[in-house]
Amino acid sequence: MFSKRSIICTILVGLLLTSILLNGGLFYIAKKSYAKSKLVVAFPNTTFYQSANAALQAKQHQRVILFGDSRIQQWKNLPELEGFEFINRGIGGETTAQLRMRFKPDVLVLKPDVVILQLGINDLVVLGVAPNHATATIQQCQDNLKVLVEKLTKQAVEVILLTIIPPAKPNLARMLAWSERIGQSVVEINQYWLNLPKMARLHVIDTAKVLKNAQRQWHDNVNKDILHLTPVGYQYLNQAITITLNTL
């Protein structure tokens, strides 16, 4: 039999190892986040798609540009619709302010007929560490969304605005830098767009309804992690945008 002392020692060693692993994980996340923020300053993303944009052939079909952050960038299996060509211009980690910086070269210059937008979550996750900036952060995110939509509709471009995909349940590492205010702010911004009177050339898709059932529970296997989707999740989005595109 194990002695009481050996059991206690085993528990303490287990707790120590758990602490080391957690701290190591947090250090990795912090370092990765810091590096990303510094790289954005040193190397703006305005030329990220420069070569790809230059290589595009003349339009032969209606051009659909997907524009946004990692949720757009990871959208690989796009629908195959006759009469449409899809161009993905997503970059992971970008805020709405960063997306505005490359909006002209990656969207307007490409002469799109339709633009699909999914952006905003990277603005709002900062509320987990800077809750005092909630009002300004939410307002800036909303203002940037309005600017992009207005510029597109004024140029007679059809806009499919996917409401900000709600975050799933955070894991332990995320919880240390998470806040319920993030999810609340997503709902707040989304409700603005969902409650707008019908506008010409603006088509708003409620991603929460697309990715969740009638009981507001996530469909099976749609969440890759707290912020991203699996291929199954993207299939639900494909179905939603296909319905809208077929009405244009």
Protein backbone atom coordinates (compact mmCIF):
# COMPACT_ATOMS: atom_id res chain seq x y z
CA MET A 1 0.00 0.00 0.00
CA PHE A 2 1.04 3.55 -0.66
CA SER A 3 1.73 5.63 2.39
CA LYS A 4 -0.16 8.83 3.02
CA ARG A 5 3.04 10.75 2.52
CA SER A 6 3.73 9.19 -0.90
CA ILE A 7 0.17 9.94 -2.02
CA ILE A 8 0.53 13.58 -1.00
CA CYS A 9 3.88 13.81 -2.79
CA THR A 10 2.34 12.33 -5.94
CA ILE A 11 -0.50 14.85 -5.83
CA LEU A 12 1.89 17.74 -5.32
CA VAL A 13 4.09 16.59 -8.21
CA GLY A 14 0.98 16.30 -10.40
CA LEU A 15 -0.10 19.81 -9.47
CA LEU A 16 3.39 21.13 -10.16
CA LEU A 17 3.52 19.50 -13.59
CA THR A 18 0.04 20.81 -14.40
CA SER A 19 1.12 24.30 -13.39
CA ILE A 20 4.24 24.07 -15.56
CA LEU A 21 2.21 22.91 -18.56
CA LEU A 22 -0.39 25.64 -18.12
CA ASN A 23 2.22 28.33 -17.73
CA GLY A 24 4.06 27.01 -20.75
CA GLY A 25 0.86 27.09 -22.78
CA LEU A 26 0.06 30.62 -21.68
CA PHE A 27 3.58 31.76 -22.49
CA TYR A 28 3.27 30.27 -25.97
CA ILE A 29 -0.08 32.00 -26.58
CA ALA A 30 1.23 35.33 -25.28
CA LYS A 31 4.41 35.09 -27.37
CA LYS A 32 2.47 34.18 -30.49
CA SER A 33 0.03 37.06 -29.98
CA TYR A 34 2.85 39.52 -29.32
CA ALA A 35 4.77 38.39 -32.39
CA LYS A 36 1.67 38.71 -34.56
CA SER A 37 0.98 42.25 -33.34
CA LYS A 38 4.57 43.32 -34.00
CA LEU A 39 4.64 41.73 -37.45
CA VAL A 40 1.50 43.62 -38.38
CA VAL A 41 3.22 46.88 -37.51
CA ALA A 42 6.46 45.97 -39.28
CA PHE A 43 4.88 44.36 -42.33
CA PRO A 44 1.40 45.73 -43.13
CA ASN A 45 -0.80 43.25 -44.95
CA THR A 46 -1.70 45.61 -47.78
CA THR A 47 0.59 43.71 -50.19
CA PHE A 48 -0.18 40.18 -48.94
CA TYR A 49 -2.27 39.37 -52.05
CA GLN A 50 -0.44 41.67 -54.46
CA SER A 51 0.95 38.88 -56.66
CA ALA A 52 -2.30 36.92 -56.61
CA ASN A 53 -4.28 40.01 -57.56
CA ALA A 54 -1.93 40.80 -60.44
CA ALA A 55 -2.27 37.24 -61.74
CA LEU A 56 -6.08 37.30 -61.89
CA GLN A 57 -7.52 36.85 -65.36
CA ALA A 58 -10.21 39.09 -66.77
CA LYS A 59 -13.67 38.40 -65.41
CA GLN A 60 -15.65 35.75 -67.26
CA HIS A 61 -18.33 35.26 -64.62
CA GLN A 62 -19.82 37.20 -61.74
CA ARG A 63 -16.92 37.80 -59.38
CA VAL A 64 -17.52 37.00 -55.70
CA ILE A 65 -14.85 38.15 -53.24
CA LEU A 66 -14.76 36.79 -49.71
CA PHE A 67 -13.18 39.42 -47.49
CA GLY A 68 -12.32 39.18 -43.81
CA ASP A 69 -10.16 37.56 -41.16
CA SER A 70 -9.19 33.93 -40.48
CA ARG A 71 -12.79 32.78 -40.73
CA ILE A 72 -12.64 33.80 -44.37
CA GLN A 73 -9.06 32.66 -44.95
CA GLN A 74 -9.87 29.13 -43.73
CA TRP A 75 -12.92 28.88 -46.02
CA LYS A 76 -11.46 26.49 -48.58
CA ASN A 77 -14.28 24.38 -50.02
CA LEU A 78 -16.36 27.08 -51.67
CA PRO A 79 -19.57 26.31 -53.54
CA GLU A 80 -19.38 25.50 -57.23
CA LEU A 81 -22.04 27.66 -58.83
CA GLU A 82 -22.43 28.17 -62.54
CA GLY A 83 -21.85 31.77 -63.51
CA PHE A 84 -19.84 32.68 -60.40
CA GLU A 85 -16.12 32.81 -59.64
CA PHE A 86 -14.96 32.94 -56.00
CA ILE A 87 -11.87 34.77 -54.77
CA ASN A 88 -10.76 34.44 -51.15
CA ARG A 89 -9.08 37.48 -49.64
CA GLY A 90 -9.00 36.61 -45.94
CA ILE A 91 -6.08 37.15 -43.57
CA GLY A 92 -6.04 35.64 -40.10
CA GLY A 93 -5.88 37.90 -37.07
CA GLU A 94 -6.90 41.11 -38.81
CA THR A 95 -9.14 43.69 -37.19
CA THR A 96 -11.68 45.79 -39.06
CA ALA A 97 -9.20 48.69 -39.05
CA GLN A 98 -6.55 46.54 -40.75
CA LEU A 99 -9.08 45.25 -43.25
CA ARG A 100 -9.98 48.81 -44.19
CA MET A 101 -6.31 49.44 -45.00
CA ARG A 102 -6.31 46.78 -47.72
CA PHE A 103 -9.93 47.14 -48.81
CA LYS A 104 -9.08 48.99 -52.01
CA PRO A 105 -6.35 46.70 -53.45
CA ASP A 106 -7.95 43.44 -52.34
CA VAL A 107 -11.58 44.28 -53.09
CA LEU A 108 -12.42 47.46 -55.00
CA VAL A 109 -9.62 47.21 -57.57
CA LEU A 110 -10.73 43.66 -58.42
CA LYS A 111 -14.14 44.94 -59.63
CA PRO A 112 -16.33 42.49 -57.69
CA ASP A 113 -19.99 41.90 -58.43
CA VAL A 114 -20.57 40.43 -54.97
CA VAL A 115 -18.59 40.74 -51.74
CA ILE A 116 -19.06 38.40 -48.77
CA LEU A 117 -17.95 39.94 -45.48
CA GLN A 118 -17.05 38.16 -42.22
CA LEU A 119 -15.03 40.35 -39.86
CA GLY A 120 -15.06 41.96 -36.43
CA ILE A 121 -14.23 39.24 -33.94
CA ASN A 122 -10.57 40.28 -33.69
CA ASP A 123 -11.65 43.74 -32.58
CA LEU A 124 -13.85 42.31 -29.85
CA VAL A 125 -11.55 39.69 -28.31
CA VAL A 126 -9.50 42.54 -26.85
CA LEU A 127 -12.35 43.03 -24.37
CA GLY A 128 -11.06 39.99 -22.51
CA VAL A 129 -7.99 41.96 -21.44
CA ALA A 130 -9.19 45.56 -21.81
CA PRO A 131 -12.83 45.66 -20.63
CA ASN A 132 -12.65 49.39 -19.91
CA HIS A 133 -12.37 50.03 -23.65
CA ALA A 134 -15.59 48.18 -24.50
CA THR A 135 -17.63 51.15 -25.68
CA ALA A 136 -14.90 52.55 -27.95
CA THR A 137 -13.96 49.09 -29.28
CA ILE A 138 -17.51 48.15 -30.19
CA GLN A 139 -18.16 51.54 -31.78
CA GLN A 140 -15.01 51.38 -33.89
CA CYS A 141 -15.83 47.87 -35.07
CA GLN A 142 -19.36 48.90 -36.01
CA ASP A 143 -18.21 52.09 -37.74
CA ASN A 144 -15.68 50.19 -39.85
CA LEU A 145 -18.32 47.67 -40.90
CA LYS A 146 -20.62 50.51 -41.93
CA VAL A 147 -17.89 52.15 -44.01
CA LEU A 148 -17.15 48.97 -45.97
CA VAL A 149 -20.82 48.23 -46.61
CA GLU A 150 -21.52 51.82 -47.68
CA LYS A 151 -18.56 51.96 -50.08
CA LEU A 152 -19.61 48.72 -51.74
CA THR A 153 -23.31 49.47 -52.10
CA LYS A 154 -22.54 52.94 -53.50
CA GLN A 155 -20.58 51.21 -56.26
CA ALA A 156 -23.53 48.93 -57.04
CA VAL A 157 -21.82 45.87 -55.52
CA GLU A 158 -24.04 43.27 -53.89
CA VAL A 159 -22.97 42.74 -50.26
CA ILE A 160 -23.58 39.54 -48.34
CA LEU A 161 -22.83 40.43 -44.74
CA LEU A 162 -22.37 37.38 -42.54
CA THR A 163 -23.02 38.49 -38.98
CA ILE A 164 -20.03 37.98 -36.69
CA ILE A 165 -19.89 34.26 -35.92
CA PRO A 166 -20.48 33.87 -32.16
CA PRO A 167 -17.61 32.40 -30.16
CA ALA A 168 -17.95 28.85 -28.88
CA LYS A 169 -17.09 27.81 -25.33
CA PRO A 170 -13.51 28.87 -24.45
CA ASN A 171 -10.96 26.30 -23.36
CA LEU A 172 -9.00 26.69 -20.12
CA ALA A 173 -6.14 28.66 -21.69
CA ARG A 174 -8.56 31.07 -23.38
CA MET A 175 -10.63 31.56 -20.23
CA LEU A 176 -7.74 33.37 -18.55
CA ALA A 177 -8.03 36.14 -21.15
CA TRP A 178 -11.74 35.84 -21.88
CA SER A 179 -14.83 37.77 -20.88
CA GLU A 180 -18.55 37.28 -21.32
CA ARG A 181 -18.54 40.82 -22.71
CA ILE A 182 -17.02 39.47 -25.92
CA GLY A 183 -20.03 37.32 -26.69
CA GLN A 184 -22.38 40.10 -25.62
CA SER A 185 -20.69 42.58 -27.94
CA VAL A 186 -21.01 40.13 -30.84
CA VAL A 187 -24.75 39.94 -30.20
CA GLU A 188 -24.96 43.73 -29.90
CA ILE A 189 -23.28 44.40 -33.23
CA ASN A 190 -25.15 41.61 -35.00
CA GLN A 191 -28.53 42.85 -33.79
CA TYR A 192 -27.89 46.23 -35.36
CA TRP A 193 -27.51 44.66 -38.80
CA LEU A 194 -30.30 42.15 -38.36
CA ASN A 195 -32.73 44.89 -37.31
CA LEU A 196 -31.92 47.25 -40.19
CA PRO A 197 -34.75 47.97 -42.62
CA LYS A 198 -34.28 46.21 -45.95
CA MET A 199 -31.61 47.98 -47.99
CA ALA A 200 -30.84 47.69 -51.68
CA ARG A 201 -27.81 45.47 -52.37
CA LEU A 202 -27.32 44.49 -48.71
CA HIS A 203 -28.11 40.91 -47.74
CA VAL A 204 -27.57 40.04 -44.07
CA ILE A 205 -27.20 36.37 -43.08
CA ASP A 206 -27.60 35.46 -39.42
CA THR A 207 -24.72 33.05 -38.82
CA ALA A 208 -26.09 32.02 -35.43
CA LYS A 209 -29.22 30.67 -37.14
CA VAL A 210 -27.14 28.98 -39.82
CA LEU A 211 -24.75 27.24 -37.41
CA LYS A 212 -27.18 26.49 -34.60
CA ASN A 213 -30.47 24.62 -34.34
CA ALA A 214 -33.89 25.89 -33.25
CA GLN A 215 -32.85 25.43 -29.60
CA ARG A 216 -29.82 27.72 -30.21
CA GLN A 217 -27.42 24.80 -29.78
CA TRP A 218 -24.49 24.37 -32.15
CA HIS A 219 -24.97 21.84 -34.92
CA ASP A 220 -22.74 18.78 -34.50
CA ASN A 221 -19.08 19.11 -35.50
CA VAL A 222 -19.18 22.73 -36.67
CA ASN A 223 -16.66 24.18 -34.19
CA LYS A 224 -12.94 23.69 -34.77
CA ASP A 225 -12.15 25.78 -31.68
CA ILE A 226 -13.63 28.77 -29.87
CA LEU A 227 -13.41 31.06 -32.92
CA HIS A 228 -13.07 28.85 -35.99
CA LEU A 229 -15.16 26.39 -37.97
CA THR A 230 -14.64 22.89 -39.29
CA PRO A 231 -15.36 21.93 -42.92
CA VAL A 232 -18.81 20.92 -41.66
CA GLY A 233 -19.36 24.45 -40.39
CA TYR A 234 -18.36 25.88 -43.75
CA GLN A 235 -20.80 23.58 -45.50
CA TYR A 236 -23.60 25.24 -43.53
CA LEU A 237 -22.30 28.64 -44.63
CA ASN A 238 -22.05 27.43 -48.24
CA GLN A 239 -25.71 26.47 -48.18
CA ALA A 240 -26.68 29.88 -46.80
CA ILE A 241 -24.70 31.96 -49.30
CA THR A 242 -25.83 29.75 -52.19
CA ILE A 243 -29.45 30.55 -51.42
CA THR A 244 -28.66 34.27 -51.40
CA LEU A 245 -26.51 34.19 -54.53
CA ASN A 246 -29.26 32.41 -56.47
CA THR A 247 -31.61 35.30 -55.71
CA LEU A 248 -29.32 38.00 -57.12
